Every structure is written in C-alpha cells, then in structure tokens.
Amino acid sequence: MQKVRKVPQRQCVGCREMKNKKDLIRVVRSPEGEVSLDFKGKKPGRGAYVCPDAACLKRARKSRALERAFETAIPAEVYDQLEQQMEVGGDG
C-alpha cells in the first residue's frame, strides 16, 4: 500500500478559501520589509497567499488583508506592482 502524501493547504487572503499551496501565489515580506510576489515559494520572509486572480488581489487590497498578515502598511504602488507581476506571471 502506497503512502499518500498530504498536499499542503493555504488560505487565500482575498477569497478566504483553503486551496492547494501550489495553486496559490505567495506574497512575501522580506526581512528588509520589501513586499513582492514569490512564484517559486522560496524567498525568505513572511508569506501570505493569494489566488492567481486579479479579483482576489483586489479583494485582499480592499479588506487590507495583506496589511494584517504582514502587520505593516503596504503602499498603493506595491499593490500595483503585484497586479502587474500577476498579469505577467513571471518571477519578477
């Protein structure tokens, strides 16, 4: 009998749904306080997860979910960068 590996689950800060970690994009606040998207999930720092959907990012922005997750103010231009990175989908 094969052992089934448990798939890690994370909650999207936008829609608040639990989803597979690999299906979400990690937003990370580095130890220096810089906020960016982490497509590989390897960057150091505090992470929060959001669906790869601009609507979820907008919802997270409206509810200030990332501010609460990172316990810091997030400037509007950071959200704009996150939206652009999400549209490109690369490792920016």
PDB file of N, CA and C in Angstrom:
ATOM      1  N   MET A   1       0.842  -1.193   0.000  1.00  0.00           N
ATOM      2  CA  MET A   1       0.000   0.000   0.000  1.00  0.00           C
ATOM      3  C   MET A   1       0.880   1.247   0.000  1.00  0.00           C
ATOM      4  N   GLN A   2       0.618   2.142  -0.949  1.00  0.00           N
ATOM      5  CA  GLN A   2       1.402   3.374  -1.057  1.00  0.00           C
ATOM      6  C   GLN A   2       0.915   4.409  -0.059  1.00  0.00           C
ATOM      7  N   LYS A   3       1.879   5.128   0.489  1.00  0.00           N
ATOM      8  CA  LYS A   3       1.528   6.198   1.412  1.00  0.00           C
ATOM      9  C   LYS A   3       1.162   7.449   0.600  1.00  0.00           C
ATOM     10  N   VAL A   4       0.007   8.019   0.880  1.00  0.00           N
ATOM     11  CA  VAL A   4      -0.448   9.199   0.163  1.00  0.00           C
ATOM     12  C   VAL A   4       0.087  10.436   0.879  1.00  0.00           C
ATOM     13  N   ARG A   5       0.808  11.276   0.116  1.00  0.00           N
ATOM     14  CA  ARG A   5       1.346  12.500   0.706  1.00  0.00           C
ATOM     15  C   ARG A   5       0.243  13.532   0.837  1.00  0.00           C
ATOM     16  N   LYS A   6       0.242  14.187   1.983  1.00  0.00           N
ATOM     17  CA  LYS A   6      -0.749  15.234   2.230  1.00  0.00           C
ATOM     18  C   LYS A   6      -0.336  16.489   1.467  1.00  0.00           C
ATOM     19  N   VAL A   7      -1.276  17.063   0.731  1.00  0.00           N
ATOM     20  CA  VAL A   7      -0.998  18.272  -0.038  1.00  0.00           C
ATOM     21  C   VAL A   7      -1.168  19.467   0.898  1.00  0.00           C
ATOM     22  N   PRO A   8      -0.117  20.311   1.013  1.00  0.00           N
ATOM     23  CA  PRO A   8      -0.251  21.459   1.909  1.00  0.00           C
ATOM     24  C   PRO A   8      -1.336  22.422   1.438  1.00  0.00           C
ATOM     25  N   GLN A   9      -2.132  22.901   2.377  1.00  0.00           N
ATOM     26  CA  GLN A   9      -3.217  23.821   2.074  1.00  0.00           C
ATOM     27  C   GLN A   9      -2.896  25.187   2.668  1.00  0.00           C
ATOM     28  N   ARG A  10      -3.294  26.238   1.957  1.00  0.00           N
ATOM     29  CA  ARG A  10      -3.124  27.601   2.444  1.00  0.00           C
ATOM     30  C   ARG A  10      -4.406  28.367   2.146  1.00  0.00           C
ATOM     31  N   GLN A  11      -4.647  29.410   2.925  1.00  0.00           N
ATOM     32  CA  GLN A  11      -5.858  30.201   2.737  1.00  0.00           C
ATOM     33  C   GLN A  11      -5.535  31.455   1.922  1.00  0.00           C
ATOM     34  N   CYS A  12      -6.312  31.685   0.876  1.00  0.00           N
ATOM     35  CA  CYS A  12      -6.159  32.893   0.073  1.00  0.00           C
ATOM     36  C   CYS A  12      -6.629  34.080   0.908  1.00  0.00           C
ATOM     37  N   VAL A  13      -5.808  35.140   0.978  1.00  0.00           N
ATOM     38  CA  VAL A  13      -6.192  36.311   1.774  1.00  0.00           C
ATOM     39  C   VAL A  13      -7.305  37.113   1.107  1.00  0.00           C
ATOM     40  N   GLY A  14      -7.566  36.843  -0.176  1.00  0.00           N
ATOM     41  CA  GLY A  14      -8.633  37.548  -0.888  1.00  0.00           C
ATOM     42  C   GLY A  14      -9.983  36.898  -0.687  1.00  0.00           C
ATOM     43  N   CYS A  15     -10.130  35.654  -1.145  1.00  0.00           N
ATOM     44  CA  CYS A  15     -11.429  34.977  -1.077  1.00  0.00           C
ATOM     45  C   CYS A  15     -11.598  34.156   0.204  1.00  0.00           C
ATOM     46  N   ARG A  16     -10.518  34.015   0.981  1.00  0.00           N
ATOM     47  CA  ARG A  16     -10.517  33.281   2.252  1.00  0.00           C
ATOM     48  C   ARG A  16     -10.796  31.785   2.087  1.00  0.00           C
ATOM     49  N   GLU A  17     -10.591  31.253   0.879  1.00  0.00           N
ATOM     50  CA  GLU A  17     -10.802  29.826   0.651  1.00  0.00           C
ATOM     51  C   GLU A  17      -9.500  29.057   0.837  1.00  0.00           C
ATOM     52  N   MET A  18      -9.613  27.846   1.379  1.00  0.00           N
ATOM     53  CA  MET A  18      -8.454  26.976   1.507  1.00  0.00           C
ATOM     54  C   MET A  18      -8.215  26.300   0.162  1.00  0.00           C
ATOM     55  N   LYS A  19      -6.990  26.391  -0.330  1.00  0.00           N
ATOM     56  CA  LYS A  19      -6.645  25.786  -1.617  1.00  0.00           C
ATOM     57  C   LYS A  19      -5.277  25.145  -1.508  1.00  0.00           C
ATOM     58  N   ASN A  20      -4.940  24.326  -2.512  1.00  0.00           N
ATOM     59  CA  ASN A  20      -3.620  23.720  -2.532  1.00  0.00           C
ATOM     60  C   ASN A  20      -2.565  24.806  -2.629  1.00  0.00           C
ATOM     61  N   LYS A  21      -1.513  24.675  -1.833  1.00  0.00           N
ATOM     62  CA  LYS A  21      -0.455  25.677  -1.783  1.00  0.00           C
ATOM     63  C   LYS A  21       0.121  25.960  -3.164  1.00  0.00           C
ATOM     64  N   LYS A  22       0.290  24.908  -3.974  1.00  0.00           N
ATOM     65  CA  LYS A  22       0.897  25.092  -5.295  1.00  0.00           C
ATOM     66  C   LYS A  22      -0.013  25.829  -6.282  1.00  0.00           C
ATOM     67  N   ASP A  23      -1.299  25.930  -5.963  1.00  0.00           N
ATOM     68  CA  ASP A  23      -2.237  26.653  -6.826  1.00  0.00           C
ATOM     69  C   ASP A  23      -2.303  28.140  -6.492  1.00  0.00           C
ATOM     70  N   LEU A  24      -1.632  28.553  -5.419  1.00  0.00           N
ATOM     71  CA  LEU A  24      -1.682  29.945  -4.978  1.00  0.00           C
ATOM     72  C   LEU A  24      -0.358  30.642  -5.235  1.00  0.00           C
ATOM     73  N   ILE A  25      -0.385  31.967  -5.251  1.00  0.00           N
ATOM     74  CA  ILE A  25       0.837  32.755  -5.386  1.00  0.00           C
ATOM     75  C   ILE A  25       1.183  33.282  -4.000  1.00  0.00           C
ATOM     76  N   ARG A  26       2.443  33.136  -3.630  1.00  0.00           N
ATOM     77  CA  ARG A  26       2.904  33.608  -2.325  1.00  0.00           C
ATOM     78  C   ARG A  26       3.316  35.071  -2.437  1.00  0.00           C
ATOM     79  N   VAL A  27       2.790  35.868  -1.543  1.00  0.00           N
ATOM     80  CA  VAL A  27       3.232  37.252  -1.413  1.00  0.00           C
ATOM     81  C   VAL A  27       4.133  37.247  -0.187  1.00  0.00           C
ATOM     82  N   VAL A  28       5.331  37.797  -0.326  1.00  0.00           N
ATOM     83  CA  VAL A  28       6.293  37.701   0.775  1.00  0.00           C
ATOM     84  C   VAL A  28       6.768  39.080   1.210  1.00  0.00           C
ATOM     85  N   ARG A  29       6.901  39.238   2.524  1.00  0.00           N
ATOM     86  CA  ARG A  29       7.545  40.438   3.063  1.00  0.00           C
ATOM     87  C   ARG A  29       8.916  39.996   3.538  1.00  0.00           C
ATOM     88  N   SER A  30       9.942  40.526   2.893  1.00  0.00           N
ATOM     89  CA  SER A  30      11.310  40.136   3.222  1.00  0.00           C
ATOM     90  C   SER A  30      11.687  40.695   4.589  1.00  0.00           C
ATOM     91  N   PRO A  31      12.779  40.153   5.166  1.00  0.00           N
ATOM     92  CA  PRO A  31      13.245  40.698   6.451  1.00  0.00           C
ATOM     93  C   PRO A  31      13.547  42.198   6.381  1.00  0.00           C
ATOM     94  N   GLU A  32      13.834  42.704   5.170  1.00  0.00           N
ATOM     95  CA  GLU A  32      14.103  44.145   4.993  1.00  0.00           C
ATOM     96  C   GLU A  32      12.798  44.946   4.879  1.00  0.00           C
ATOM     97  N   GLY A  33      11.662  44.258   4.784  1.00  0.00           N
ATOM     98  CA  GLY A  33      10.383  44.942   4.718  1.00  0.00           C
ATOM     99  C   GLY A  33       9.851  45.118   3.309  1.00  0.00           C
ATOM    100  N   GLU A  34      10.528  44.545   2.322  1.00  0.00           N
ATOM    101  CA  GLU A  34      10.093  44.664   0.929  1.00  0.00           C
ATOM    102  C   GLU A  34       9.026  43.615   0.627  1.00  0.00           C
ATOM    103  N   VAL A  35       7.931  44.053  -0.008  1.00  0.00           N
ATOM    104  CA  VAL A  35       6.833  43.143  -0.341  1.00  0.00           C
ATOM    105  C   VAL A  35       6.883  42.825  -1.828  1.00  0.00           C
ATOM    106  N   SER A  36       6.846  41.524  -2.172  1.00  0.00           N
ATOM    107  CA  SER A  36       6.878  41.118  -3.581  1.00  0.00           C
ATOM    108  C   SER A  36       6.182  39.773  -3.749  1.00  0.00           C
ATOM    109  N   LEU A  37       5.931  39.406  -5.010  1.00  0.00           N
ATOM    110  CA  LEU A  37       5.362  38.084  -5.299  1.00  0.00           C
ATOM    111  C   LEU A  37       6.484  37.068  -5.361  1.00  0.00           C
ATOM    112  N   ASP A  38       6.189  35.878  -4.865  1.00  0.00           N
ATOM    113  CA  ASP A  38       7.165  34.797  -4.834  1.00  0.00           C
ATOM    114  C   ASP A  38       6.544  33.598  -5.546  1.00  0.00           C
ATOM    115  N   PHE A  39       6.846  33.471  -6.849  1.00  0.00           N
ATOM    116  CA  PHE A  39       6.219  32.396  -7.636  1.00  0.00           C
ATOM    117  C   PHE A  39       6.800  31.025  -7.309  1.00  0.00           C
ATOM    118  N   LYS A  40       8.035  30.987  -6.821  1.00  0.00           N
ATOM    119  CA  LYS A  40       8.681  29.704  -6.510  1.00  0.00           C
ATOM    120  C   LYS A  40       8.437  29.268  -5.063  1.00  0.00           C
ATOM    121  N   GLY A  41       8.035  30.207  -4.208  1.00  0.00           N
ATOM    122  CA  GLY A  41       7.793  29.860  -2.810  1.00  0.00           C
ATOM    123  C   GLY A  41       9.062  29.672  -2.008  1.00  0.00           C
ATOM    124  N   LYS A  42      10.172  30.248  -2.465  1.00  0.00           N
ATOM    125  CA  LYS A  42      11.464  30.024  -1.821  1.00  0.00           C
ATOM    126  C   LYS A  42      12.063  31.264  -1.165  1.00  0.00           C
ATOM    127  N   LYS A  43      11.484  32.443  -1.421  1.00  0.00           N
ATOM    128  CA  LYS A  43      12.079  33.667  -0.879  1.00  0.00           C
ATOM    129  C   LYS A  43      11.961  33.687   0.644  1.00  0.00           C
ATOM    130  N   PRO A  44      12.970  34.238   1.315  1.00  0.00           N
ATOM    131  CA  PRO A  44      12.893  34.321   2.783  1.00  0.00           C
ATOM    132  C   PRO A  44      11.932  35.419   3.202  1.00  0.00           C
ATOM    133  N   GLY A  45      11.298  35.226   4.334  1.00  0.00           N
ATOM    134  CA  GLY A  45      10.401  36.244   4.865  1.00  0.00           C
ATOM    135  C   GLY A  45       9.031  35.687   5.185  1.00  0.00           C
ATOM    136  N   ARG A  46       8.167  36.563   5.612  1.00  0.00           N
ATOM    137  CA  ARG A  46       6.802  36.200   5.993  1.00  0.00           C
ATOM    138  C   ARG A  46       5.950  36.093   4.743  1.00  0.00           C
ATOM    139  N   GLY A  47       5.210  35.019   4.624  1.00  0.00           N
ATOM    140  CA  GLY A  47       4.406  34.795   3.433  1.00  0.00           C
ATOM    141  C   GLY A  47       2.914  34.864   3.692  1.00  0.00           C
ATOM    142  N   ALA A  48       2.196  35.301   2.675  1.00  0.00           N
ATOM    143  CA  ALA A  48       0.734  35.237   2.655  1.00  0.00           C
ATOM    144  C   ALA A  48       0.386  34.748   1.253  1.00  0.00           C
ATOM    145  N   TYR A  49      -0.753  34.130   1.103  1.00  0.00           N
ATOM    146  CA  TYR A  49      -1.090  33.509  -0.175  1.00  0.00           C
ATOM    147  C   TYR A  49      -2.319  34.141  -0.787  1.00  0.00           C
ATOM    148  N   VAL A  50      -2.300  34.228  -2.124  1.00  0.00           N
ATOM    149  CA  VAL A  50      -3.434  34.792  -2.854  1.00  0.00           C
ATOM    150  C   VAL A  50      -3.634  33.976  -4.135  1.00  0.00           C
ATOM    151  N   CYS A  51      -4.903  33.833  -4.551  1.00  0.00           N
ATOM    152  CA  CYS A  51      -5.195  33.123  -5.799  1.00  0.00           C
ATOM    153  C   CYS A  51      -4.557  33.870  -6.968  1.00  0.00           C
ATOM    154  N   PRO A  52      -4.195  33.155  -8.032  1.00  0.00           N
ATOM    155  CA  PRO A  52      -3.619  33.831  -9.204  1.00  0.00           C
ATOM    156  C   PRO A  52      -4.711  34.525 -10.008  1.00  0.00           C
ATOM    157  N   ASP A  53      -5.455  35.365  -9.331  1.00  0.00           N
ATOM    158  CA  ASP A  53      -6.629  36.004  -9.899  1.00  0.00           C
ATOM    159  C   ASP A  53      -6.643  37.460  -9.435  1.00  0.00           C
ATOM    160  N   ALA A  54      -6.710  38.382 -10.383  1.00  0.00           N
ATOM    161  CA  ALA A  54      -6.678  39.809 -10.047  1.00  0.00           C
ATOM    162  C   ALA A  54      -7.836  40.188  -9.121  1.00  0.00           C
ATOM    163  N   ALA A  55      -8.980  39.502  -9.250  1.00  0.00           N
ATOM    164  CA  ALA A  55     -10.132  39.809  -8.397  1.00  0.00           C
ATOM    165  C   ALA A  55      -9.821  39.510  -6.935  1.00  0.00           C
ATOM    166  N   CYS A  56      -9.098  38.423  -6.679  1.00  0.00           N
ATOM    167  CA  CYS A  56      -8.720  38.080  -5.303  1.00  0.00           C
ATOM    168  C   CYS A  56      -7.735  39.104  -4.746  1.00  0.00           C
ATOM    169  N   LEU A  57      -6.820  39.553  -5.579  1.00  0.00           N
ATOM    170  CA  LEU A  57      -5.861  40.567  -5.134  1.00  0.00           C
ATOM    171  C   LEU A  57      -6.591  41.870  -4.808  1.00  0.00           C
ATOM    172  N   LYS A  58      -7.571  42.220  -5.638  1.00  0.00           N
ATOM    173  CA  LYS A  58      -8.358  43.435  -5.385  1.00  0.00           C
ATOM    174  C   LYS A  58      -9.130  43.320  -4.071  1.00  0.00           C
ATOM    175  N   ARG A  59      -9.691  42.130  -3.840  1.00  0.00           N
ATOM    176  CA  ARG A  59     -10.445  41.901  -2.609  1.00  0.00           C
ATOM    177  C   ARG A  59      -9.513  41.986  -1.393  1.00  0.00           C
ATOM    178  N   ALA A  60      -8.323  41.411  -1.522  1.00  0.00           N
ATOM    179  CA  ALA A  60      -7.338  41.469  -0.435  1.00  0.00           C
ATOM    180  C   ALA A  60      -6.933  42.920  -0.169  1.00  0.00           C
ATOM    181  N   ARG A  61      -6.807  43.687  -1.237  1.00  0.00           N
ATOM    182  CA  ARG A  61      -6.429  45.105  -1.107  1.00  0.00           C
ATOM    183  C   ARG A  61      -7.540  45.882  -0.390  1.00  0.00           C
ATOM    184  N   LYS A  62      -8.787  45.631  -0.790  1.00  0.00           N
ATOM    185  CA  LYS A  62      -9.924  46.344  -0.209  1.00  0.00           C
ATOM    186  C   LYS A  62     -10.082  46.015   1.275  1.00  0.00           C
ATOM    187  N   SER A  63      -9.889  44.752   1.632  1.00  0.00           N
ATOM    188  CA  SER A  63     -10.077  44.331   3.028  1.00  0.00           C
ATOM    189  C   SER A  63      -8.811  44.513   3.862  1.00  0.00           C
ATOM    190  N   ARG A  64      -7.741  45.016   3.235  1.00  0.00           N
ATOM    191  CA  ARG A  64      -6.460  45.241   3.901  1.00  0.00           C
ATOM    192  C   ARG A  64      -5.898  43.950   4.502  1.00  0.00           C
ATOM    193  N   ALA A  65      -6.170  42.835   3.832  1.00  0.00           N
ATOM    194  CA  ALA A  65      -5.755  41.529   4.349  1.00  0.00           C
ATOM    195  C   ALA A  65      -4.228  41.386   4.409  1.00  0.00           C
ATOM    196  N   LEU A  66      -3.531  41.913   3.403  1.00  0.00           N
ATOM    197  CA  LEU A  66      -2.069  41.805   3.420  1.00  0.00           C
ATOM    198  C   LEU A  66      -1.465  42.669   4.523  1.00  0.00           C
ATOM    199  N   GLU A  67      -2.062  43.829   4.766  1.00  0.00           N
ATOM    200  CA  GLU A  67      -1.591  44.676   5.868  1.00  0.00           C
ATOM    201  C   GLU A  67      -1.685  43.923   7.193  1.00  0.00           C
ATOM    202  N   ARG A  68      -2.801  43.215   7.380  1.00  0.00           N
ATOM    203  CA  ARG A  68      -2.975  42.448   8.620  1.00  0.00           C
ATOM    204  C   ARG A  68      -1.996  41.280   8.678  1.00  0.00           C
ATOM    205  N   ALA A  69      -1.825  40.592   7.552  1.00  0.00           N
ATOM    206  CA  ALA A  69      -0.933  39.433   7.522  1.00  0.00           C
ATOM    207  C   ALA A  69       0.514  39.830   7.819  1.00  0.00           C
ATOM    208  N   PHE A  70       0.924  40.973   7.268  1.00  0.00           N
ATOM    209  CA  PHE A  70       2.323  41.392   7.420  1.00  0.00           C
ATOM    210  C   PHE A  70       2.517  42.385   8.556  1.00  0.00           C
ATOM    211  N   GLU A  71       1.418  42.821   9.187  1.00  0.00           N
ATOM    212  CA  GLU A  71       1.463  43.788  10.287  1.00  0.00           C
ATOM    213  C   GLU A  71       2.259  45.027   9.897  1.00  0.00           C
ATOM    214  N   THR A  72       2.032  45.511   8.673  1.00  0.00           N
ATOM    215  CA  THR A  72       2.703  46.712   8.189  1.00  0.00           C
ATOM    216  C   THR A  72       1.827  47.383   7.140  1.00  0.00           C
ATOM    217  N   ALA A  73       2.011  48.676   6.950  1.00  0.00           N
ATOM    218  CA  ALA A  73       1.284  49.391   5.904  1.00  0.00           C
ATOM    219  C   ALA A  73       1.885  49.017   4.551  1.00  0.00           C
ATOM    220  N   ILE A  74       1.029  48.832   3.554  1.00  0.00           N
ATOM    221  CA  ILE A  74       1.502  48.487   2.217  1.00  0.00           C
ATOM    222  C   ILE A  74       1.110  49.615   1.267  1.00  0.00           C
ATOM    223  N   PRO A  75       2.108  50.284   0.669  1.00  0.00           N
ATOM    224  CA  PRO A  75       1.804  51.398  -0.231  1.00  0.00           C
ATOM    225  C   PRO A  75       1.051  50.948  -1.478  1.00  0.00           C
ATOM    226  N   ALA A  76       0.264  51.862  -2.056  1.00  0.00           N
ATOM    227  CA  ALA A  76      -0.543  51.549  -3.240  1.00  0.00           C
ATOM    228  C   ALA A  76       0.321  51.048  -4.388  1.00  0.00           C
ATOM    229  N   GLU A  77       1.538  51.617  -4.546  1.00  0.00           N
ATOM    230  CA  GLU A  77       2.376  51.193  -5.670  1.00  0.00           C
ATOM    231  C   GLU A  77       2.817  49.738  -5.543  1.00  0.00           C
ATOM    232  N   VAL A  78       2.888  49.227  -4.315  1.00  0.00           N
ATOM    233  CA  VAL A  78       3.219  47.809  -4.138  1.00  0.00           C
ATOM    234  C   VAL A  78       2.093  46.945  -4.698  1.00  0.00           C
ATOM    235  N   TYR A  79       0.844  47.324  -4.402  1.00  0.00           N
ATOM    236  CA  TYR A  79      -0.292  46.592  -4.964  1.00  0.00           C
ATOM    237  C   TYR A  79      -0.293  46.663  -6.489  1.00  0.00           C
ATOM    238  N   ASP A  80       0.035  47.832  -7.032  1.00  0.00           N
ATOM    239  CA  ASP A  80       0.098  47.976  -8.489  1.00  0.00           C
ATOM    240  C   ASP A  80       1.149  47.044  -9.075  1.00  0.00           C
ATOM    241  N   GLN A  81       2.307  46.970  -8.408  1.00  0.00           N
ATOM    242  CA  GLN A  81       3.379  46.065  -8.860  1.00  0.00           C
ATOM    243  C   GLN A  81       2.904  44.617  -8.783  1.00  0.00           C
ATOM    244  N   LEU A  82       2.198  44.268  -7.706  1.00  0.00           N
ATOM    245  CA  LEU A  82       1.706  42.900  -7.555  1.00  0.00           C
ATOM    246  C   LEU A  82       0.742  42.563  -8.684  1.00  0.00           C
ATOM    247  N   GLU A  83      -0.137  43.520  -9.034  1.00  0.00           N
ATOM    248  CA  GLU A  83      -1.090  43.278 -10.123  1.00  0.00           C
ATOM    249  C   GLU A  83      -0.346  43.086 -11.445  1.00  0.00           C
ATOM    250  N   GLN A  84       0.688  43.912 -11.686  1.00  0.00           N
ATOM    251  CA  GLN A  84       1.472  43.780 -12.916  1.00  0.00           C
ATOM    252  C   GLN A  84       2.210  42.448 -12.955  1.00  0.00           C
ATOM    253  N   GLN A  85       2.810  42.068 -11.826  1.00  0.00           N
ATOM    254  CA  GLN A  85       3.528  40.784 -11.760  1.00  0.00           C
ATOM    255  C   GLN A  85       2.579  39.630 -12.000  1.00  0.00           C
ATOM    256  N   MET A  86       1.360  39.757 -11.489  1.00  0.00           N
ATOM    257  CA  MET A  86       0.369  38.703 -11.657  1.00  0.00           C
ATOM    258  C   MET A  86      -0.046  38.563 -13.114  1.00  0.00           C
ATOM    259  N   GLU A  87      -0.188  39.704 -13.805  1.00  0.00           N
ATOM    260  CA  GLU A  87      -0.546  39.676 -15.222  1.00  0.00           C
ATOM    261  C   GLU A  87       0.565  39.022 -16.042  1.00  0.00           C
ATOM    262  N   VAL A  88       1.818  39.378 -15.726  1.00  0.00           N
ATOM    263  CA  VAL A  88       2.956  38.802 -16.447  1.00  0.00           C
ATOM    264  C   VAL A  88       3.119  37.335 -16.069  1.00  0.00           C
ATOM    265  N   GLY A  89       2.967  37.036 -14.773  1.00  0.00           N
ATOM    266  CA  GLY A  89       3.042  35.664 -14.305  1.00  0.00           C
ATOM    267  C   GLY A  89       4.452  35.119 -14.193  1.00  0.00           C
ATOM    268  N   GLY A  90       5.441  35.975 -14.388  1.00  0.00           N
ATOM    269  CA  GLY A  90       6.826  35.518 -14.305  1.00  0.00           C
ATOM    270  C   GLY A  90       7.388  35.676 -12.921  1.00  0.00           C
ATOM    271  N   ASP A  91       8.676  35.440 -12.779  1.00  0.00           N
ATOM    272  CA  ASP A  91       9.328  35.599 -11.484  1.00  0.00           C
ATOM    273  C   ASP A  91       9.963  36.987 -11.476  1.00  0.00           C
ATOM    274  N   GLY A  92       9.187  37.984 -11.028  1.00  0.00           N
ATOM    275  CA  GLY A  92       9.629  39.342 -11.142  1.00  0.00           C
ATOM    276  C   GLY A  92      10.261  39.851  -9.913  1.00  0.00           C
TER     277      GLY A  92
END
